[in-house]
Amino acid sequence: MSYEALDLPNINWPKLRHTILASSVYVLTEVNNWSIKHPYVAAGALICISANPDILLTPLRLTGRTTLYICLLPLRLILWPFKLLGKFILYIFGFRRHGVAKDSLASQYQSHHYGGYVPRDSTFARFQSYGAAEYYDDMEALRSANVDDYGINDSEAGSTLAIGVSWLSAVGGVFVLGRTWGWWN
């Protein structure tokens, strides 16, 4: 099925961005107001999450790729123009879908440095692969982090995320208690 055959609605991107931003600001304001009214409960919850970040991370891991896709969507929207720019620059240099273009900078570089053999893990081979790809797979970052289909992480990336969540929770707990005890006045 082609994209032309699909009857997709026109999306008002500025309005959608404003709605998401306004909703996020509203939620964060309400959480902040709640933490002001109940500072010890908020600090206790943050300290518990800091001590055991799996309390927060396990539900995210159980929901798998869907949650990761939703959580990484803002990052993808930010990086999308840069991916297009990189693809365009590779196109200009001669890395096309059907291989290296004849009489391009890429073909001249290939013939001068490699001849007929391009090493498997070379930068030139990666440029060829990226230039030949019809589209960029958004889940490539997850595969490079060894996340399987169920979102379970085999590598150290999971422990790095847990450390980050732990530190952020601890800093949040200190901030809430410091605000209550007058440290920030």
Protein backbone atom coordinates (compact mmCIF):
# COMPACT_ATOMS: atom_id res chain seq x y z
CA MET A 1 0.00 0.00 0.00
CA SER A 2 1.46 3.34 -1.00
CA TYR A 3 1.28 6.57 0.93
CA GLU A 4 -0.91 8.08 -1.79
CA ALA A 5 -3.55 5.39 -1.19
CA LEU A 6 -3.84 6.29 2.49
CA ASP A 7 -6.36 8.95 3.43
CA LEU A 8 -4.48 10.64 6.26
CA PRO A 9 -5.80 13.76 7.95
CA ASN A 10 -3.81 16.95 7.74
CA ILE A 11 -2.09 17.48 11.06
CA ASN A 12 -1.66 20.98 12.38
CA TRP A 13 1.86 20.50 13.76
CA PRO A 14 2.20 23.88 15.53
CA LYS A 15 -1.11 23.32 17.31
CA LEU A 16 -0.12 19.75 18.26
CA ARG A 17 3.26 20.94 19.58
CA HIS A 18 1.54 23.70 21.59
CA THR A 19 -0.99 21.23 23.02
CA ILE A 20 1.72 18.77 24.07
CA LEU A 21 3.85 21.54 25.58
CA ALA A 22 0.89 23.10 27.41
CA SER A 23 -0.19 19.70 28.76
CA SER A 24 3.34 18.92 29.93
CA VAL A 25 3.66 22.27 31.68
CA TYR A 26 0.27 21.75 33.35
CA VAL A 27 1.22 18.28 34.62
CA LEU A 28 4.59 19.47 35.91
CA THR A 29 2.94 22.44 37.65
CA GLU A 30 0.41 20.17 39.34
CA VAL A 31 3.15 17.76 40.47
CA ASN A 32 5.12 20.71 41.84
CA ASN A 33 2.05 22.05 43.68
CA TRP A 34 1.40 18.61 45.15
CA SER A 35 5.05 18.34 46.28
CA ILE A 36 4.71 21.73 47.99
CA LYS A 37 1.58 20.58 49.85
CA HIS A 38 3.04 17.16 50.73
CA PRO A 39 6.84 17.59 50.82
CA TYR A 40 7.66 14.62 53.04
CA VAL A 41 5.56 12.18 51.01
CA ALA A 42 7.13 13.47 47.78
CA ALA A 43 10.66 13.30 49.23
CA GLY A 44 9.99 9.81 50.61
CA ALA A 45 8.75 8.59 47.22
CA LEU A 46 11.77 10.11 45.48
CA ILE A 47 14.17 8.55 48.00
CA CYS A 48 12.49 5.14 47.55
CA ILE A 49 12.87 5.45 43.78
CA SER A 50 16.49 6.53 44.27
CA ALA A 51 17.21 3.50 46.44
CA ASN A 52 15.50 1.11 44.01
CA PRO A 53 15.02 2.62 40.51
CA ASP A 54 13.51 -0.65 39.30
CA ILE A 55 10.27 0.47 40.99
CA LEU A 56 9.94 2.96 38.15
CA LEU A 57 11.81 1.13 35.38
CA THR A 58 10.21 -2.34 35.60
CA PRO A 59 6.78 -1.26 34.30
CA LEU A 60 8.52 0.53 31.43
CA ARG A 61 10.52 -2.59 30.60
CA LEU A 62 7.43 -4.81 30.74
CA THR A 63 5.54 -2.71 28.22
CA GLY A 64 8.41 -3.12 25.79
CA ARG A 65 9.01 -1.23 22.58
CA THR A 66 5.75 0.71 22.65
CA THR A 67 6.77 2.61 25.76
CA LEU A 68 10.29 3.12 24.47
CA TYR A 69 8.89 4.41 21.17
CA ILE A 70 6.60 6.88 22.96
CA CYS A 71 9.33 8.00 25.37
CA LEU A 72 11.83 8.52 22.56
CA LEU A 73 9.35 10.29 20.25
CA PRO A 74 10.39 13.84 21.25
CA LEU A 75 14.03 12.93 20.68
CA ARG A 76 13.16 11.50 17.27
CA LEU A 77 11.29 14.65 16.31
CA ILE A 78 14.30 16.75 17.29
CA LEU A 79 16.79 14.53 15.42
CA TRP A 80 14.68 14.04 12.28
CA PRO A 81 15.86 17.20 10.43
CA PHE A 82 19.49 16.31 11.16
CA LYS A 83 18.97 12.81 9.75
CA LEU A 84 17.51 14.31 6.60
CA LEU A 85 20.42 16.73 6.33
CA GLY A 86 22.91 13.86 6.70
CA LYS A 87 21.08 11.85 4.05
CA PHE A 88 21.10 14.88 1.72
CA ILE A 89 24.83 15.46 2.22
CA LEU A 90 25.58 11.80 1.47
CA TYR A 91 23.42 12.10 -1.66
CA ILE A 92 25.43 15.12 -2.80
CA PHE A 93 28.70 13.22 -2.31
CA GLY A 94 27.37 10.34 -4.40
CA PHE A 95 26.02 7.73 -1.97
CA ARG A 96 22.74 6.77 -3.62
CA ARG A 97 20.11 4.06 -3.15
CA HIS A 98 21.58 1.92 -5.92
CA GLY A 99 25.16 2.32 -4.72
CA VAL A 100 27.89 4.85 -5.36
CA ALA A 101 27.07 7.20 -8.23
CA LYS A 102 29.37 7.25 -11.25
CA ASP A 103 31.82 10.21 -11.44
CA SER A 104 30.93 11.43 -7.94
CA LEU A 105 33.23 12.38 -5.09
CA ALA A 106 32.40 9.06 -3.43
CA SER A 107 33.38 7.05 -6.52
CA GLN A 108 36.63 8.98 -6.87
CA TYR A 109 37.44 8.39 -3.19
CA GLN A 110 36.58 4.72 -3.51
CA SER A 111 38.74 4.17 -6.57
CA HIS A 112 41.67 6.11 -5.10
CA HIS A 113 41.64 4.56 -1.60
CA TYR A 114 39.98 1.17 -1.91
CA GLY A 115 39.84 0.11 -5.54
CA GLY A 116 37.29 -2.69 -5.81
CA TYR A 117 37.43 -3.73 -2.15
CA VAL A 118 35.77 -1.73 0.62
CA PRO A 119 36.58 -2.96 4.16
CA ARG A 120 33.53 -4.20 6.01
CA ASP A 121 33.59 -1.88 9.05
CA SER A 122 35.00 1.20 7.35
CA THR A 123 33.35 4.60 7.43
CA PHE A 124 32.95 4.39 3.65
CA ALA A 125 30.98 1.14 4.03
CA ARG A 126 28.72 2.77 6.62
CA PHE A 127 28.13 5.72 4.32
CA GLN A 128 27.25 3.29 1.52
CA SER A 129 24.82 1.46 3.78
CA TYR A 130 23.17 4.63 5.02
CA GLY A 131 22.99 6.13 1.53
CA ALA A 132 21.43 2.95 0.12
CA ALA A 133 18.83 2.66 2.87
CA GLU A 134 15.36 3.62 1.70
CA TYR A 135 14.45 4.97 5.11
CA TYR A 136 16.01 5.28 8.54
CA ASP A 137 14.79 2.73 11.06
CA ASP A 138 13.79 4.57 14.24
CA MET A 139 14.41 1.51 16.37
CA GLU A 140 18.08 1.28 15.31
CA ALA A 141 19.12 3.02 18.51
CA LEU A 142 17.30 0.37 20.55
CA ARG A 143 18.94 -2.46 18.62
CA SER A 144 22.35 -0.89 19.12
CA ALA A 145 21.64 -0.89 22.86
CA ASN A 146 20.81 -4.65 22.67
CA VAL A 147 17.14 -4.23 23.52
CA ASP A 148 15.12 -7.20 22.37
CA ASP A 149 11.49 -7.31 21.22
CA TYR A 150 10.17 -7.20 24.80
CA GLY A 151 12.28 -4.23 25.86
CA ILE A 152 14.62 -6.27 28.04
CA ASN A 153 18.12 -4.86 27.96
CA ASP A 154 21.10 -7.22 28.01
CA SER A 155 23.88 -4.65 28.19
CA GLU A 156 25.12 -2.02 30.60
CA ALA A 157 22.70 0.56 29.12
CA GLY A 158 20.02 -0.66 31.55
CA SER A 159 22.25 -0.11 34.55
CA THR A 160 23.25 3.31 33.20
CA LEU A 161 19.59 4.26 32.97
CA ALA A 162 19.00 2.96 36.49
CA ILE A 163 21.92 5.04 37.79
CA GLY A 164 20.55 8.12 36.04
CA VAL A 165 17.06 7.61 37.46
CA SER A 166 18.54 6.98 40.90
CA TRP A 167 20.60 10.19 40.87
CA LEU A 168 17.76 12.32 39.48
CA SER A 169 15.40 10.98 42.13
CA ALA A 170 17.90 11.68 44.90
CA VAL A 171 18.49 15.23 43.64
CA GLY A 172 14.71 15.74 43.42
CA GLY A 173 14.29 14.53 47.02
CA VAL A 174 17.02 16.90 48.23
CA PHE A 175 15.40 19.76 46.31
CA VAL A 176 11.95 19.09 47.81
CA LEU A 177 13.32 18.86 51.35
CA GLY A 178 15.59 21.88 50.83
CA ARG A 179 12.62 23.93 49.65
CA THR A 180 10.59 22.85 52.68
CA TRP A 181 13.40 23.59 55.15
CA GLY A 182 14.18 26.96 53.62
CA TRP A 183 17.54 26.18 52.05
CA TRP A 184 16.64 27.91 48.78
CA ASN A 185 15.29 31.17 50.22
